[in-house]
Protein backbone atom coordinates (compact mmCIF):
# COMPACT_ATOMS: atom_id res chain seq x y z
CA MET A 1 -6.84 -6.52 -12.64
CA PHE A 2 -3.65 -4.68 -11.72
CA ASP A 3 -5.59 -1.77 -10.18
CA ALA A 4 -7.10 -4.15 -7.63
CA MET A 5 -3.65 -5.62 -7.01
CA VAL A 6 -2.18 -2.15 -6.41
CA ASP A 7 -5.03 -1.43 -3.98
CA GLU A 8 -4.14 -4.61 -2.10
CA ILE A 9 -0.43 -3.70 -2.08
CA ILE A 10 -1.35 -0.29 -0.65
CA GLU A 11 -3.52 -1.88 2.07
CA VAL A 12 -0.64 -4.14 3.10
CA LEU A 13 1.85 -1.26 3.07
CA VAL A 14 -0.52 0.70 5.32
CA GLU A 15 -0.60 -2.31 7.69
CA PHE A 16 3.22 -2.22 7.73
CA GLY A 17 3.32 1.50 8.48
CA GLY A 18 4.04 2.74 4.96
CA SER A 19 6.95 0.63 3.71
CA ALA A 20 8.27 -2.92 3.78
CA HIS A 21 10.44 -5.35 1.86
CA ARG A 22 8.57 -6.52 -1.24
CA ASP A 23 8.79 -10.18 -0.16
CA ALA A 24 7.06 -9.32 3.14
CA VAL A 25 4.32 -7.46 1.26
CA ILE A 26 3.72 -10.33 -1.16
CA ASP A 27 3.80 -12.91 1.65
CA ARG A 28 1.23 -10.87 3.60
CA MET A 29 -0.97 -10.69 0.50
CA ALA A 30 -0.84 -14.50 0.29
CA VAL A 31 -1.80 -14.88 3.96
CA ARG A 32 -4.70 -12.48 3.51
CA ARG A 33 -5.86 -14.72 0.66
CA GLY A 34 -5.69 -17.81 2.85
CA ALA A 35 -2.38 -19.27 1.64
CA ASN A 36 0.71 -20.05 3.69
CA VAL A 37 3.11 -18.94 0.96
CA ALA A 38 2.81 -16.79 -2.12
CA SER A 39 2.42 -18.59 -5.44
CA GLU A 40 4.67 -17.66 -8.33
CA LEU A 41 1.61 -16.23 -10.09
CA LEU A 42 0.81 -13.92 -7.15
CA ARG A 43 4.46 -12.89 -6.89
CA ARG A 44 4.69 -12.12 -10.61
CA ASP A 45 1.36 -10.24 -10.69
CA ALA A 46 2.25 -8.18 -7.60
CA LEU A 47 5.65 -7.24 -9.04
CA THR A 48 4.05 -6.26 -12.35
CA ALA A 49 1.28 -4.24 -10.67
CA PHE A 50 3.84 -2.42 -8.52
CA GLU A 51 6.06 -1.61 -11.50
CA LEU A 52 3.12 -0.36 -13.59
CA ASN A 53 1.95 1.93 -10.79
CA LEU A 54 5.50 3.08 -10.09
CA GLU A 55 5.68 4.33 -13.66
CA GLY A 56 2.34 6.18 -13.41
CA ARG A 57 0.62 4.19 -16.15
CA ASP A 58 -1.99 6.00 -18.25
CA GLY A 59 -1.00 9.36 -16.83
CA ARG A 60 -2.20 8.38 -13.34
CA LYS A 61 -0.28 9.52 -10.32
CA ALA A 62 1.92 6.79 -8.86
CA LEU A 63 0.79 5.69 -5.38
CA VAL A 64 3.85 3.57 -4.59
CA ARG A 65 7.58 4.21 -4.68
CA LEU A 66 10.99 2.72 -4.05
CA PRO A 67 12.06 4.66 -0.94
CA PHE A 68 15.70 3.58 -1.26
CA GLY A 69 15.86 4.13 -5.01
CA GLU A 70 16.16 2.05 -8.13
CA GLY A 71 17.25 -1.53 -7.53
CA SER A 72 15.89 -1.56 -3.98
CA HIS A 73 13.45 -4.26 -2.92
CA ARG A 74 11.82 -2.02 -0.32
CA TRP A 75 8.38 -0.81 -1.35
CA GLY A 76 6.76 2.29 0.06
CA LEU A 77 3.79 4.57 -0.26
CA VAL A 78 3.98 7.96 -1.91
CA ALA A 79 1.46 9.34 0.61
CA ASP A 80 1.42 9.09 4.38
CA PRO A 81 -0.38 5.88 5.50
CA TRP A 82 -2.63 7.97 7.76
CA ASP A 83 -3.89 9.94 4.75
CA ILE A 84 -4.63 6.75 2.81
CA ALA A 85 -6.43 5.03 5.69
CA ASN A 86 -8.30 8.23 6.66
CA PRO A 87 -9.22 10.34 3.63
CA PRO A 88 -9.18 14.12 4.15
CA GLU A 89 -12.96 14.39 4.45
CA GLN A 90 -12.77 13.16 8.03
CA LYS A 91 -9.97 11.90 10.24
CA VAL A 92 -10.76 9.86 13.32
CA VAL A 93 -8.49 9.51 16.31
CA SER A 94 -9.42 7.17 19.14
CA VAL A 95 -8.10 8.05 22.58
CA GLY A 96 -9.27 5.43 25.03
CA ILE A 97 -13.05 5.43 24.73
CA VAL A 98 -13.16 8.95 23.32
CA GLU A 99 -13.26 9.39 19.55
CA ILE A 100 -12.13 12.69 18.10
CA ARG A 101 -13.35 13.64 14.64
CA ALA A 102 -11.81 16.55 12.82
CA ALA A 103 -12.32 17.96 9.36
CA ALA A 104 -9.20 18.22 7.26
CA ALA A 105 -7.55 21.62 7.17
CA ALA A 106 -8.48 23.48 4.04
């Protein structure tokens, strides 16, 4: 359950350019789910999912971080949002009507 929640947090952080206040992230998650405001359950689950991923649960690499350090309410991505939205296999850049595809540098 929390893995899907972390995926959603990452998607929202990518939308915000890589970091945002946690309340803005949770509110955006609620809107994406069709609600006007976040429920306490969504807020609690999102906070828990973030904290579990921050700690690198089960030996997994953490995907999120606190860019301003412990105690901060700003959430951020460990990786560049471009790399998350466009995996290294193929990056796409649109310039007007021209689309440029490039393989990742090895």
